[in-house]
Amino acid sequence: MSIFDLGRMADAPECSSAGCHDAAAWTIAWRNPRIHPETRVKEWAACDAHRDHLRDWLASRDFPVEVVAFGTTVEQVG
């Protein structure tokens, strides 16, 4: 732990974007329909700044994607 981590909870949810340590505000639920059944949902956390970028990256690969407030459970994605 560095001095920059002091005062920040070690288990606080962070954005999944590479190198970003901002707090997660969004859950990006997705699945790869070529290998996952409809009931298999993967989740990425996203801050406000990276929400659209992460969602668009997944959508450009034709993955079903749903964006919800962080902490919201998604049972199934398209």
Protein backbone atom coordinates (compact mmCIF):
# COMPACT_ATOMS: atom_id res chain seq x y z
CA MET A 1 0.00 0.00 0.00
CA SER A 2 1.36 3.40 -0.93
CA ILE A 3 0.72 6.70 0.80
CA PHE A 4 -1.69 7.50 -2.03
CA ASP A 5 -3.93 4.65 -0.86
CA LEU A 6 -4.28 5.98 2.68
CA GLY A 7 -7.84 6.95 3.46
CA ARG A 8 -9.21 4.88 0.58
CA MET A 9 -10.89 1.60 1.38
CA ALA A 10 -8.92 -1.29 -0.11
CA ASP A 11 -12.10 -3.12 -1.07
CA ALA A 12 -13.91 -0.09 -2.55
CA PRO A 13 -15.17 -0.95 -6.04
CA GLU A 14 -13.03 0.63 -8.77
CA CYS A 15 -13.57 1.19 -12.46
CA SER A 16 -12.57 -1.76 -14.67
CA SER A 17 -10.94 0.48 -17.27
CA ALA A 18 -7.18 -0.14 -17.46
CA GLY A 19 -5.29 2.16 -15.12
CA CYS A 20 -8.39 3.84 -13.70
CA HIS A 21 -8.79 3.85 -9.94
CA ASP A 22 -11.92 5.99 -9.77
CA ALA A 23 -14.92 4.76 -7.84
CA ALA A 24 -17.39 2.60 -9.74
CA ALA A 25 -20.75 4.24 -10.36
CA TRP A 26 -22.04 1.83 -13.01
CA THR A 27 -22.25 -1.88 -13.69
CA ILE A 28 -21.86 -2.94 -17.29
CA ALA A 29 -23.49 -6.35 -17.60
CA TRP A 30 -22.65 -8.32 -20.72
CA ARG A 31 -22.16 -11.74 -22.22
CA ASN A 32 -20.53 -13.28 -25.26
CA PRO A 33 -23.42 -15.08 -27.00
CA ARG A 34 -21.02 -17.34 -28.89
CA ILE A 35 -19.83 -18.99 -25.67
CA HIS A 36 -22.20 -17.97 -22.85
CA PRO A 37 -25.82 -19.05 -22.33
CA GLU A 38 -28.37 -16.27 -21.73
CA THR A 39 -28.16 -16.88 -17.99
CA ARG A 40 -24.39 -16.24 -17.86
CA VAL A 41 -23.85 -12.56 -17.10
CA LYS A 42 -20.41 -11.01 -16.75
CA GLU A 43 -20.01 -7.63 -15.07
CA TRP A 44 -17.55 -4.78 -15.34
CA ALA A 45 -17.52 -1.78 -13.04
CA ALA A 46 -17.28 1.68 -14.57
CA CYS A 47 -16.79 5.23 -13.42
CA ASP A 48 -18.73 8.05 -15.08
CA ALA A 49 -15.82 8.90 -17.39
CA HIS A 50 -15.39 5.35 -18.75
CA ARG A 51 -18.98 4.08 -18.81
CA ASP A 52 -19.64 4.87 -22.47
CA HIS A 53 -16.21 3.73 -23.65
CA LEU A 54 -16.51 0.31 -21.98
CA ARG A 55 -20.13 -0.14 -23.11
CA ASP A 56 -19.26 0.81 -26.70
CA TRP A 57 -16.24 -1.53 -26.75
CA LEU A 58 -18.47 -4.48 -25.81
CA ALA A 59 -21.32 -3.46 -28.10
CA SER A 60 -18.94 -3.13 -31.08
CA ARG A 61 -18.30 -6.87 -30.71
CA ASP A 62 -22.05 -7.56 -30.89
CA PHE A 63 -22.19 -8.57 -27.22
CA PRO A 64 -25.52 -7.92 -25.50
CA VAL A 65 -24.86 -5.13 -22.98
CA GLU A 66 -26.87 -3.49 -20.23
CA VAL A 67 -25.73 -0.55 -18.08
CA VAL A 68 -27.23 -0.11 -14.62
CA ALA A 69 -26.34 1.76 -11.46
CA PHE A 70 -23.53 0.09 -9.53
CA GLY A 71 -24.89 -2.42 -7.04
CA THR A 72 -27.88 -3.32 -9.20
CA THR A 73 -28.15 -7.01 -10.01
CA VAL A 74 -28.69 -8.07 -13.62
CA GLU A 75 -30.04 -11.61 -13.99
CA GLN A 76 -29.99 -11.86 -17.79
CA VAL A 77 -28.66 -9.82 -20.72
CA GLY A 78 -30.34 -9.93 -24.13
